[in-house]
Amino acid sequence: MFAIIRTGGKQYRVQEGDRINVELLDVAEGAEVTFDEVLLVGNDASTTVGAPTVSGASVTALVEAQTRGPKVTFFHFKNKTRQSRKKGHRQHETRVRITGISA
């Protein structure tokens, strides 16, 4: 069974046992979190598409870690004045492990 969930403005296709990094959630490590915005639930036999969400469906996950993503660097350069600026950024993320899908 798989599901498509929406969290942090992004959509993820998940199955039970998957580990994904999502936008930062204000939840402690080791806690359980429930995603209620389930857009699609499917298996080999059938698929249920929500309008916009599937009613009564939810995905539960266990918070494994609060981490930071890879460093993204960007460089600004202005010609003729030779003015430049290099900056970097690391996005805060939450790593979760999907424990169950209920439709």
PDB file of N, CA and C in Angstrom:
ATOM      1  N   MET A   1       0.848  -1.176   0.000  1.00  0.00           N
ATOM      2  CA  MET A   1       0.000   0.000   0.000  1.00  0.00           C
ATOM      3  C   MET A   1       0.897   1.243   0.000  1.00  0.00           C
ATOM      4  N   PHE A   2       0.501   2.236  -0.755  1.00  0.00           N
ATOM      5  CA  PHE A   2       1.253   3.483  -0.797  1.00  0.00           C
ATOM      6  C   PHE A   2       0.285   4.654  -0.682  1.00  0.00           C
ATOM      7  N   ALA A   3       0.836   5.820  -0.387  1.00  0.00           N
ATOM      8  CA  ALA A   3       0.025   7.027  -0.265  1.00  0.00           C
ATOM      9  C   ALA A   3       0.849   8.223  -0.723  1.00  0.00           C
ATOM     10  N   ILE A   4       0.154   9.275  -1.115  1.00  0.00           N
ATOM     11  CA  ILE A   4       0.788  10.545  -1.426  1.00  0.00           C
ATOM     12  C   ILE A   4       0.299  11.541  -0.400  1.00  0.00           C
ATOM     13  N   ILE A   5       1.248  12.112   0.363  1.00  0.00           N
ATOM     14  CA  ILE A   5       0.905  13.059   1.421  1.00  0.00           C
ATOM     15  C   ILE A   5       1.453  14.436   1.067  1.00  0.00           C
ATOM     16  N   ARG A   6       0.867  15.459   1.699  1.00  0.00           N
ATOM     17  CA  ARG A   6       1.339  16.827   1.502  1.00  0.00           C
ATOM     18  C   ARG A   6       1.723  17.386   2.868  1.00  0.00           C
ATOM     19  N   THR A   7       2.974  17.867   2.954  1.00  0.00           N
ATOM     20  CA  THR A   7       3.449  18.519   4.162  1.00  0.00           C
ATOM     21  C   THR A   7       4.537  19.506   3.786  1.00  0.00           C
ATOM     22  N   GLY A   8       4.512  20.660   4.401  1.00  0.00           N
ATOM     23  CA  GLY A   8       5.518  21.674   4.134  1.00  0.00           C
ATOM     24  C   GLY A   8       5.468  22.215   2.715  1.00  0.00           C
ATOM     25  N   GLY A   9       4.300  22.174   2.074  1.00  0.00           N
ATOM     26  CA  GLY A   9       4.163  22.673   0.722  1.00  0.00           C
ATOM     27  C   GLY A   9       4.682  21.740  -0.348  1.00  0.00           C
ATOM     28  N   LYS A  10       5.046  20.516   0.028  1.00  0.00           N
ATOM     29  CA  LYS A  10       5.554  19.539  -0.935  1.00  0.00           C
ATOM     30  C   LYS A  10       4.750  18.258  -0.824  1.00  0.00           C
ATOM     31  N   GLN A  11       4.830  17.428  -1.854  1.00  0.00           N
ATOM     32  CA  GLN A  11       4.126  16.161  -1.875  1.00  0.00           C
ATOM     33  C   GLN A  11       5.131  15.018  -1.907  1.00  0.00           C
ATOM     34  N   TYR A  12       4.829  13.962  -1.150  1.00  0.00           N
ATOM     35  CA  TYR A  12       5.727  12.815  -1.037  1.00  0.00           C
ATOM     36  C   TYR A  12       4.942  11.531  -1.261  1.00  0.00           C
ATOM     37  N   ARG A  13       5.536  10.601  -2.025  1.00  0.00           N
ATOM     38  CA  ARG A  13       4.959   9.267  -2.195  1.00  0.00           C
ATOM     39  C   ARG A  13       5.631   8.370  -1.163  1.00  0.00           C
ATOM     40  N   VAL A  14       4.833   7.774  -0.280  1.00  0.00           N
ATOM     41  CA  VAL A  14       5.388   7.010   0.831  1.00  0.00           C
ATOM     42  C   VAL A  14       4.768   5.622   0.891  1.00  0.00           C
ATOM     43  N   GLN A  15       5.561   4.697   1.419  1.00  0.00           N
ATOM     44  CA  GLN A  15       5.111   3.352   1.749  1.00  0.00           C
ATOM     45  C   GLN A  15       5.525   3.082   3.187  1.00  0.00           C
ATOM     46  N   GLU A  16       4.975   2.060   3.770  1.00  0.00           N
ATOM     47  CA  GLU A  16       5.338   1.706   5.134  1.00  0.00           C
ATOM     48  C   GLU A  16       6.807   1.296   5.180  1.00  0.00           C
ATOM     49  N   GLY A  17       7.553   1.872   6.117  1.00  0.00           N
ATOM     50  CA  GLY A  17       8.975   1.581   6.258  1.00  0.00           C
ATOM     51  C   GLY A  17       9.874   2.598   5.582  1.00  0.00           C
ATOM     52  N   ASP A  18       9.331   3.499   4.768  1.00  0.00           N
ATOM     53  CA  ASP A  18      10.142   4.511   4.093  1.00  0.00           C
ATOM     54  C   ASP A  18      10.680   5.537   5.086  1.00  0.00           C
ATOM     55  N   ARG A  19      11.874   6.053   4.775  1.00  0.00           N
ATOM     56  CA  ARG A  19      12.459   7.155   5.544  1.00  0.00           C
ATOM     57  C   ARG A  19      12.551   8.354   4.610  1.00  0.00           C
ATOM     58  N   ILE A  20      11.944   9.476   5.010  1.00  0.00           N
ATOM     59  CA  ILE A  20      11.966  10.667   4.167  1.00  0.00           C
ATOM     60  C   ILE A  20      12.359  11.873   5.011  1.00  0.00           C
ATOM     61  N   ASN A  21      12.907  12.880   4.346  1.00  0.00           N
ATOM     62  CA  ASN A  21      13.209  14.161   4.975  1.00  0.00           C
ATOM     63  C   ASN A  21      12.141  15.150   4.548  1.00  0.00           C
ATOM     64  N   VAL A  22      11.471  15.758   5.525  1.00  0.00           N
ATOM     65  CA  VAL A  22      10.427  16.742   5.246  1.00  0.00           C
ATOM     66  C   VAL A  22      10.837  18.078   5.847  1.00  0.00           C
ATOM     67  N   GLU A  23      10.107  19.124   5.502  1.00  0.00           N
ATOM     68  CA  GLU A  23      10.356  20.430   6.093  1.00  0.00           C
ATOM     69  C   GLU A  23      10.241  20.321   7.617  1.00  0.00           C
ATOM     70  N   LEU A  24      10.876  21.234   8.312  1.00  0.00           N
ATOM     71  CA  LEU A  24      10.966  21.186   9.770  1.00  0.00           C
ATOM     72  C   LEU A  24       9.589  21.093  10.424  1.00  0.00           C
ATOM     73  N   LEU A  25       9.417  20.096  11.283  1.00  0.00           N
ATOM     74  CA  LEU A  25       8.205  19.921  12.083  1.00  0.00           C
ATOM     75  C   LEU A  25       8.552  20.211  13.533  1.00  0.00           C
ATOM     76  N   ASP A  26       7.655  20.870  14.231  1.00  0.00           N
ATOM     77  CA  ASP A  26       7.891  21.225  15.632  1.00  0.00           C
ATOM     78  C   ASP A  26       7.468  20.058  16.523  1.00  0.00           C
ATOM     79  N   VAL A  27       8.221  18.948  16.417  1.00  0.00           N
ATOM     80  CA  VAL A  27       7.943  17.728  17.165  1.00  0.00           C
ATOM     81  C   VAL A  27       9.269  17.203  17.692  1.00  0.00           C
ATOM     82  N   ALA A  28       9.265  16.663  18.906  1.00  0.00           N
ATOM     83  CA  ALA A  28      10.495  16.142  19.505  1.00  0.00           C
ATOM     84  C   ALA A  28      10.899  14.823  18.843  1.00  0.00           C
ATOM     85  N   GLU A  29      12.194  14.521  18.923  1.00  0.00           N
ATOM     86  CA  GLU A  29      12.690  13.249  18.390  1.00  0.00           C
ATOM     87  C   GLU A  29      12.082  12.090  19.167  1.00  0.00           C
ATOM     88  N   GLY A  30      11.724  11.037  18.471  1.00  0.00           N
ATOM     89  CA  GLY A  30      11.120   9.868  19.093  1.00  0.00           C
ATOM     90  C   GLY A  30       9.612   9.949  19.205  1.00  0.00           C
ATOM     91  N   ALA A  31       9.025  11.098  18.899  1.00  0.00           N
ATOM     92  CA  ALA A  31       7.573  11.258  18.972  1.00  0.00           C
ATOM     93  C   ALA A  31       6.925  10.747  17.688  1.00  0.00           C
ATOM     94  N   GLU A  32       5.637  10.514  17.765  1.00  0.00           N
ATOM     95  CA  GLU A  32       4.896  10.061  16.599  1.00  0.00           C
ATOM     96  C   GLU A  32       4.092  11.226  16.035  1.00  0.00           C
ATOM     97  N   VAL A  33       4.080  11.339  14.722  1.00  0.00           N
ATOM     98  CA  VAL A  33       3.366  12.425  14.049  1.00  0.00           C
ATOM     99  C   VAL A  33       2.391  11.810  13.049  1.00  0.00           C
ATOM    100  N   THR A  34       1.237  12.467  12.862  1.00  0.00           N
ATOM    101  CA  THR A  34       0.217  11.990  11.943  1.00  0.00           C
ATOM    102  C   THR A  34       0.025  13.009  10.834  1.00  0.00           C
ATOM    103  N   PHE A  35       0.099  12.548   9.598  1.00  0.00           N
ATOM    104  CA  PHE A  35      -0.153  13.394   8.434  1.00  0.00           C
ATOM    105  C   PHE A  35      -1.586  13.146   7.974  1.00  0.00           C
ATOM    106  N   ASP A  36      -2.429  14.180   8.055  1.00  0.00           N
ATOM    107  CA  ASP A  36      -3.841  14.035   7.693  1.00  0.00           C
ATOM    108  C   ASP A  36      -4.132  14.447   6.257  1.00  0.00           C
ATOM    109  N   GLU A  37      -3.231  15.196   5.630  1.00  0.00           N
ATOM    110  CA  GLU A  37      -3.436  15.616   4.247  1.00  0.00           C
ATOM    111  C   GLU A  37      -2.956  14.516   3.304  1.00  0.00           C
ATOM    112  N   VAL A  38      -3.806  13.508   3.106  1.00  0.00           N
ATOM    113  CA  VAL A  38      -3.492  12.382   2.227  1.00  0.00           C
ATOM    114  C   VAL A  38      -4.223  12.628   0.908  1.00  0.00           C
ATOM    115  N   LEU A  39      -3.468  12.786  -0.172  1.00  0.00           N
ATOM    116  CA  LEU A  39      -4.051  13.121  -1.466  1.00  0.00           C
ATOM    117  C   LEU A  39      -4.466  11.895  -2.264  1.00  0.00           C
ATOM    118  N   LEU A  40      -3.786  10.757  -2.031  1.00  0.00           N
ATOM    119  CA  LEU A  40      -4.064   9.549  -2.790  1.00  0.00           C
ATOM    120  C   LEU A  40      -3.653   8.336  -1.969  1.00  0.00           C
ATOM    121  N   VAL A  41      -4.451   7.287  -2.027  1.00  0.00           N
ATOM    122  CA  VAL A  41      -4.127   6.016  -1.376  1.00  0.00           C
ATOM    123  C   VAL A  41      -4.323   4.927  -2.409  1.00  0.00           C
ATOM    124  N   GLY A  42      -3.332   4.040  -2.548  1.00  0.00           N
ATOM    125  CA  GLY A  42      -3.464   2.990  -3.547  1.00  0.00           C
ATOM    126  C   GLY A  42      -2.739   1.724  -3.165  1.00  0.00           C
ATOM    127  N   ASN A  43      -3.118   0.640  -3.840  1.00  0.00           N
ATOM    128  CA  ASN A  43      -2.423  -0.637  -3.732  1.00  0.00           C
ATOM    129  C   ASN A  43      -2.515  -1.321  -5.089  1.00  0.00           C
ATOM    130  N   ASP A  44      -2.197  -2.602  -5.168  1.00  0.00           N
ATOM    131  CA  ASP A  44      -2.206  -3.299  -6.455  1.00  0.00           C
ATOM    132  C   ASP A  44      -3.605  -3.381  -7.059  1.00  0.00           C
ATOM    133  N   ALA A  45      -4.631  -3.461  -6.209  1.00  0.00           N
ATOM    134  CA  ALA A  45      -5.984  -3.680  -6.714  1.00  0.00           C
ATOM    135  C   ALA A  45      -6.717  -2.386  -7.060  1.00  0.00           C
ATOM    136  N   SER A  46      -6.587  -1.365  -6.220  1.00  0.00           N
ATOM    137  CA  SER A  46      -7.388  -0.158  -6.441  1.00  0.00           C
ATOM    138  C   SER A  46      -6.632   1.086  -5.993  1.00  0.00           C
ATOM    139  N   THR A  47      -7.130   2.221  -6.446  1.00  0.00           N
ATOM    140  CA  THR A  47      -6.553   3.515  -6.095  1.00  0.00           C
ATOM    141  C   THR A  47      -7.682   4.469  -5.741  1.00  0.00           C
ATOM    142  N   THR A  48      -7.527   5.189  -4.627  1.00  0.00           N
ATOM    143  CA  THR A  48      -8.503   6.176  -4.214  1.00  0.00           C
ATOM    144  C   THR A  48      -7.872   7.552  -4.300  1.00  0.00           C
ATOM    145  N   VAL A  49      -8.471   8.414  -5.112  1.00  0.00           N
ATOM    146  CA  VAL A  49      -7.971   9.770  -5.288  1.00  0.00           C
ATOM    147  C   VAL A  49      -8.886  10.714  -4.527  1.00  0.00           C
ATOM    148  N   GLY A  50      -8.305  11.609  -3.740  1.00  0.00           N
ATOM    149  CA  GLY A  50      -9.090  12.550  -2.965  1.00  0.00           C
ATOM    150  C   GLY A  50      -9.479  13.768  -3.774  1.00  0.00           C
ATOM    151  N   ALA A  51     -10.456  14.491  -3.241  1.00  0.00           N
ATOM    152  CA  ALA A  51     -10.904  15.720  -3.891  1.00  0.00           C
ATOM    153  C   ALA A  51     -11.084  16.805  -2.837  1.00  0.00           C
ATOM    154  N   PRO A  52     -10.082  17.494  -2.345  1.00  0.00           N
ATOM    155  CA  PRO A  52      -8.661  17.353  -2.635  1.00  0.00           C
ATOM    156  C   PRO A  52      -7.964  16.304  -1.768  1.00  0.00           C
ATOM    157  N   THR A  53      -8.556  15.889  -0.634  1.00  0.00           N
ATOM    158  CA  THR A  53      -7.915  14.877   0.204  1.00  0.00           C
ATOM    159  C   THR A  53      -8.848  13.683   0.363  1.00  0.00           C
ATOM    160  N   VAL A  54      -8.278  12.545   0.706  1.00  0.00           N
ATOM    161  CA  VAL A  54      -9.054  11.332   0.959  1.00  0.00           C
ATOM    162  C   VAL A  54      -9.594  11.430   2.375  1.00  0.00           C
ATOM    163  N   SER A  55     -10.910  11.373   2.524  1.00  0.00           N
ATOM    164  CA  SER A  55     -11.503  11.517   3.848  1.00  0.00           C
ATOM    165  C   SER A  55     -11.255  10.264   4.678  1.00  0.00           C
ATOM    166  N   GLY A  56     -10.865  10.461   5.929  1.00  0.00           N
ATOM    167  CA  GLY A  56     -10.626   9.355   6.843  1.00  0.00           C
ATOM    168  C   GLY A  56      -9.270   8.701   6.704  1.00  0.00           C
ATOM    169  N   ALA A  57      -8.455   9.131   5.765  1.00  0.00           N
ATOM    170  CA  ALA A  57      -7.137   8.525   5.574  1.00  0.00           C
ATOM    171  C   ALA A  57      -6.079   9.317   6.338  1.00  0.00           C
ATOM    172  N   SER A  58      -5.089   8.599   6.852  1.00  0.00           N
ATOM    173  CA  SER A  58      -3.987   9.255   7.561  1.00  0.00           C
ATOM    174  C   SER A  58      -2.741   8.385   7.461  1.00  0.00           C
ATOM    175  N   VAL A  59      -1.608   9.028   7.636  1.00  0.00           N
ATOM    176  CA  VAL A  59      -0.323   8.347   7.615  1.00  0.00           C
ATOM    177  C   VAL A  59       0.384   8.673   8.919  1.00  0.00           C
ATOM    178  N   THR A  60       0.843   7.660   9.633  1.00  0.00           N
ATOM    179  CA  THR A  60       1.562   7.877  10.877  1.00  0.00           C
ATOM    180  C   THR A  60       3.047   7.650  10.641  1.00  0.00           C
ATOM    181  N   ALA A  61       3.850   8.437  11.356  1.00  0.00           N
ATOM    182  CA  ALA A  61       5.300   8.348  11.186  1.00  0.00           C
ATOM    183  C   ALA A  61       5.977   8.599  12.522  1.00  0.00           C
ATOM    184  N   LEU A  62       7.197   8.088  12.639  1.00  0.00           N
ATOM    185  CA  LEU A  62       8.007   8.260  13.830  1.00  0.00           C
ATOM    186  C   LEU A  62       9.139   9.228  13.499  1.00  0.00           C
ATOM    187  N   VAL A  63       9.312  10.249  14.323  1.00  0.00           N
ATOM    188  CA  VAL A  63      10.362  11.242  14.100  1.00  0.00           C
ATOM    189  C   VAL A  63      11.685  10.644  14.547  1.00  0.00           C
ATOM    190  N   GLU A  64      12.622  10.504  13.597  1.00  0.00           N
ATOM    191  CA  GLU A  64      13.927   9.924  13.914  1.00  0.00           C
ATOM    192  C   GLU A  64      14.948  10.977  14.292  1.00  0.00           C
ATOM    193  N   ALA A  65      14.960  12.115  13.589  1.00  0.00           N
ATOM    194  CA  ALA A  65      15.988  13.118  13.864  1.00  0.00           C
ATOM    195  C   ALA A  65      15.558  14.476  13.334  1.00  0.00           C
ATOM    196  N   GLN A  66      16.082  15.520  13.971  1.00  0.00           N
ATOM    197  CA  GLN A  66      15.963  16.891  13.478  1.00  0.00           C
ATOM    198  C   GLN A  66      17.328  17.232  12.896  1.00  0.00           C
ATOM    199  N   THR A  67      17.432  17.356  11.584  1.00  0.00           N
ATOM    200  CA  THR A  67      18.717  17.525  10.919  1.00  0.00           C
ATOM    201  C   THR A  67      18.714  18.793  10.081  1.00  0.00           C
ATOM    202  N   ARG A  68      19.813  18.989   9.362  1.00  0.00           N
ATOM    203  CA  ARG A  68      19.927  20.077   8.407  1.00  0.00           C
ATOM    204  C   ARG A  68      20.328  19.486   7.070  1.00  0.00           C
ATOM    205  N   GLY A  69      19.804  20.050   6.009  1.00  0.00           N
ATOM    206  CA  GLY A  69      20.048  19.552   4.671  1.00  0.00           C
ATOM    207  C   GLY A  69      21.431  19.922   4.172  1.00  0.00           C
ATOM    208  N   PRO A  70      21.721  19.567   2.928  1.00  0.00           N
ATOM    209  CA  PRO A  70      23.032  19.911   2.358  1.00  0.00           C
ATOM    210  C   PRO A  70      23.163  21.412   2.161  1.00  0.00           C
ATOM    211  N   LYS A  71      24.405  21.889   2.157  1.00  0.00           N
ATOM    212  CA  LYS A  71      24.649  23.323   2.013  1.00  0.00           C
ATOM    213  C   LYS A  71      24.417  23.750   0.571  1.00  0.00           C
ATOM    214  N   VAL A  72      23.657  24.809   0.413  1.00  0.00           N
ATOM    215  CA  VAL A  72      23.408  25.405  -0.890  1.00  0.00           C
ATOM    216  C   VAL A  72      24.143  26.734  -0.905  1.00  0.00           C
ATOM    217  N   THR A  73      25.094  26.898  -1.840  1.00  0.00           N
ATOM    218  CA  THR A  73      25.848  28.141  -1.926  1.00  0.00           C
ATOM    219  C   THR A  73      25.395  28.914  -3.153  1.00  0.00           C
ATOM    220  N   PHE A  74      25.419  30.237  -3.027  1.00  0.00           N
ATOM    221  CA  PHE A  74      25.088  31.077  -4.166  1.00  0.00           C
ATOM    222  C   PHE A  74      26.047  32.249  -4.191  1.00  0.00           C
ATOM    223  N   PHE A  75      26.302  32.733  -5.403  1.00  0.00           N
ATOM    224  CA  PHE A  75      27.329  33.735  -5.630  1.00  0.00           C
ATOM    225  C   PHE A  75      26.741  34.851  -6.477  1.00  0.00           C
ATOM    226  N   HIS A  76      26.800  36.090  -5.965  1.00  0.00           N
ATOM    227  CA  HIS A  76      26.344  37.259  -6.704  1.00  0.00           C
ATOM    228  C   HIS A  76      27.578  38.031  -7.164  1.00  0.00           C
ATOM    229  N   PHE A  77      27.565  38.472  -8.414  1.00  0.00           N
ATOM    230  CA  PHE A  77      28.680  39.243  -8.948  1.00  0.00           C
ATOM    231  C   PHE A  77      28.144  40.372  -9.803  1.00  0.00           C
ATOM    232  N   LYS A  78      28.637  41.586  -9.551  1.00  0.00           N
ATOM    233  CA  LYS A  78      28.255  42.732 -10.361  1.00  0.00           C
ATOM    234  C   LYS A  78      29.435  43.119 -11.231  1.00  0.00           C
ATOM    235  N   ASN A  79      29.186  43.122 -12.517  1.00  0.00           N
ATOM    236  CA  ASN A  79      30.229  43.438 -13.476  1.00  0.00           C
ATOM    237  C   ASN A  79      30.632  44.922 -13.374  1.00  0.00           C
ATOM    238  N   LYS A  80      31.798  45.229 -13.830  1.00  0.00           N
ATOM    239  CA  LYS A  80      32.384  46.573 -13.874  1.00  0.00           C
ATOM    240  C   LYS A  80      32.779  47.084 -12.495  1.00  0.00           C
ATOM    241  N   THR A  81      31.954  46.902 -11.490  1.00  0.00           N
ATOM    242  CA  THR A  81      32.344  47.327 -10.147  1.00  0.00           C
ATOM    243  C   THR A  81      33.105  46.236  -9.418  1.00  0.00           C
ATOM    244  N   ARG A  82      33.081  45.010  -9.970  1.00  0.00           N
ATOM    245  CA  ARG A  82      33.750  43.843  -9.387  1.00  0.00           C
ATOM    246  C   ARG A  82      33.285  43.580  -7.954  1.00  0.00           C
ATOM    247  N   GLN A  83      32.051  43.860  -7.728  1.00  0.00           N
ATOM    248  CA  GLN A  83      31.464  43.625  -6.414  1.00  0.00           C
ATOM    249  C   GLN A  83      30.925  42.203  -6.379  1.00  0.00           C
ATOM    250  N   SER A  84      31.267  41.438  -5.360  1.00  0.00           N
ATOM    251  CA  SER A  84      30.820  40.054  -5.284  1.00  0.00           C
ATOM    252  C   SER A  84      30.431  39.703  -3.852  1.00  0.00           C
ATOM    253  N   ARG A  85      29.570  38.693  -3.770  1.00  0.00           N
ATOM    254  CA  ARG A  85      29.153  38.210  -2.462  1.00  0.00           C
ATOM    255  C   ARG A  85      28.844  36.726  -2.580  1.00  0.00           C
ATOM    256  N   LYS A  86      29.409  35.931  -1.701  1.00  0.00           N
ATOM    257  CA  LYS A  86      29.164  34.497  -1.673  1.00  0.00           C
ATOM    258  C   LYS A  86      28.511  34.165  -0.339  1.00  0.00           C
ATOM    259  N   LYS A  87      27.377  33.470  -0.402  1.00  0.00           N
ATOM    260  CA  LYS A  87      26.653  33.105   0.810  1.00  0.00           C
ATOM    261  C   LYS A  87      26.240  31.646   0.724  1.00  0.00           C
ATOM    262  N   GLY A  88      25.919  31.078   1.854  1.00  0.00           N
ATOM    263  CA  GLY A  88      25.464  29.697   1.917  1.00  0.00           C
ATOM    264  C   GLY A  88      24.290  29.564   2.871  1.00  0.00           C
ATOM    265  N   HIS A  89      23.572  28.462   2.724  1.00  0.00           N
ATOM    266  CA  HIS A  89      22.377  28.243   3.537  1.00  0.00           C
ATOM    267  C   HIS A  89      22.162  26.740   3.704  1.00  0.00           C
ATOM    268  N   ARG A  90      21.753  26.331   4.901  1.00  0.00           N
ATOM    269  CA  ARG A  90      21.365  24.942   5.150  1.00  0.00           C
ATOM    270  C   ARG A  90      19.956  24.944   5.724  1.00  0.00           C
ATOM    271  N   GLN A  91      19.052  24.222   5.062  1.00  0.00           N
ATOM    272  CA  GLN A  91      17.650  24.177   5.461  1.00  0.00           C
ATOM    273  C   GLN A  91      17.464  23.171   6.600  1.00  0.00           C
ATOM    274  N   HIS A  92      16.657  23.533   7.585  1.00  0.00           N
ATOM    275  CA  HIS A  92      16.332  22.613   8.678  1.00  0.00           C
ATOM    276  C   HIS A  92      15.323  21.585   8.178  1.00  0.00           C
ATOM    277  N   GLU A  93      15.543  20.308   8.542  1.00  0.00           N
ATOM    278  CA  GLU A  93      14.698  19.219   8.092  1.00  0.00           C
ATOM    279  C   GLU A  93      14.363  18.289   9.254  1.00  0.00           C
ATOM    280  N   THR A  94      13.332  17.507   9.058  1.00  0.00           N
ATOM    281  CA  THR A  94      12.953  16.472  10.007  1.00  0.00           C
ATOM    282  C   THR A  94      12.946  15.143   9.269  1.00  0.00           C
ATOM    283  N   ARG A  95      13.692  14.156   9.776  1.00  0.00           N
ATOM    284  CA  ARG A  95      13.712  12.825   9.174  1.00  0.00           C
ATOM    285  C   ARG A  95      12.667  11.973   9.869  1.00  0.00           C
ATOM    286  N   VAL A  96      11.741  11.418   9.095  1.00  0.00           N
ATOM    287  CA  VAL A  96      10.671  10.585   9.653  1.00  0.00           C
ATOM    288  C   VAL A  96      10.693   9.210   8.985  1.00  0.00           C
ATOM    289  N   ARG A  97      10.231   8.213   9.736  1.00  0.00           N
ATOM    290  CA  ARG A  97      10.066   6.848   9.214  1.00  0.00           C
ATOM    291  C   ARG A  97       8.585   6.524   9.245  1.00  0.00           C
ATOM    292  N   ILE A  98       8.043   6.150   8.108  1.00  0.00           N
ATOM    293  CA  ILE A  98       6.604   5.864   7.981  1.00  0.00           C
ATOM    294  C   ILE A  98       6.309   4.544   8.683  1.00  0.00           C
ATOM    295  N   THR A  99       5.366   4.585   9.637  1.00  0.00           N
ATOM    296  CA  THR A  99       5.030   3.378  10.393  1.00  0.00           C
ATOM    297  C   THR A  99       3.696   2.774   9.987  1.00  0.00           C
ATOM    298  N   GLY A 100       2.808   3.559   9.410  1.00  0.00           N
ATOM    299  CA  GLY A 100       1.514   2.979   9.038  1.00  0.00           C
ATOM    300  C   GLY A 100       0.704   3.894   8.133  1.00  0.00           C
ATOM    301  N   ILE A 101      -0.122   3.257   7.308  1.00  0.00           N
ATOM    302  CA  ILE A 101      -1.038   3.975   6.421  1.00  0.00           C
ATOM    303  C   ILE A 101      -2.430   3.418   6.666  1.00  0.00           C
ATOM    304  N   SER A 102      -3.361   4.287   7.019  1.00  0.00           N
ATOM    305  CA  SER A 102      -4.750   3.838   7.229  1.00  0.00           C
ATOM    306  C   SER A 102      -5.640   4.570   6.238  1.00  0.00           C
ATOM    307  N   ALA A 103      -6.469   3.809   5.561  1.00  0.00           N
ATOM    308  CA  ALA A 103      -7.354   4.395   4.534  1.00  0.00           C
ATOM    309  C   ALA A 103      -8.784   4.393   4.998  1.00  0.00           C
TER     310      ALA A 103
END
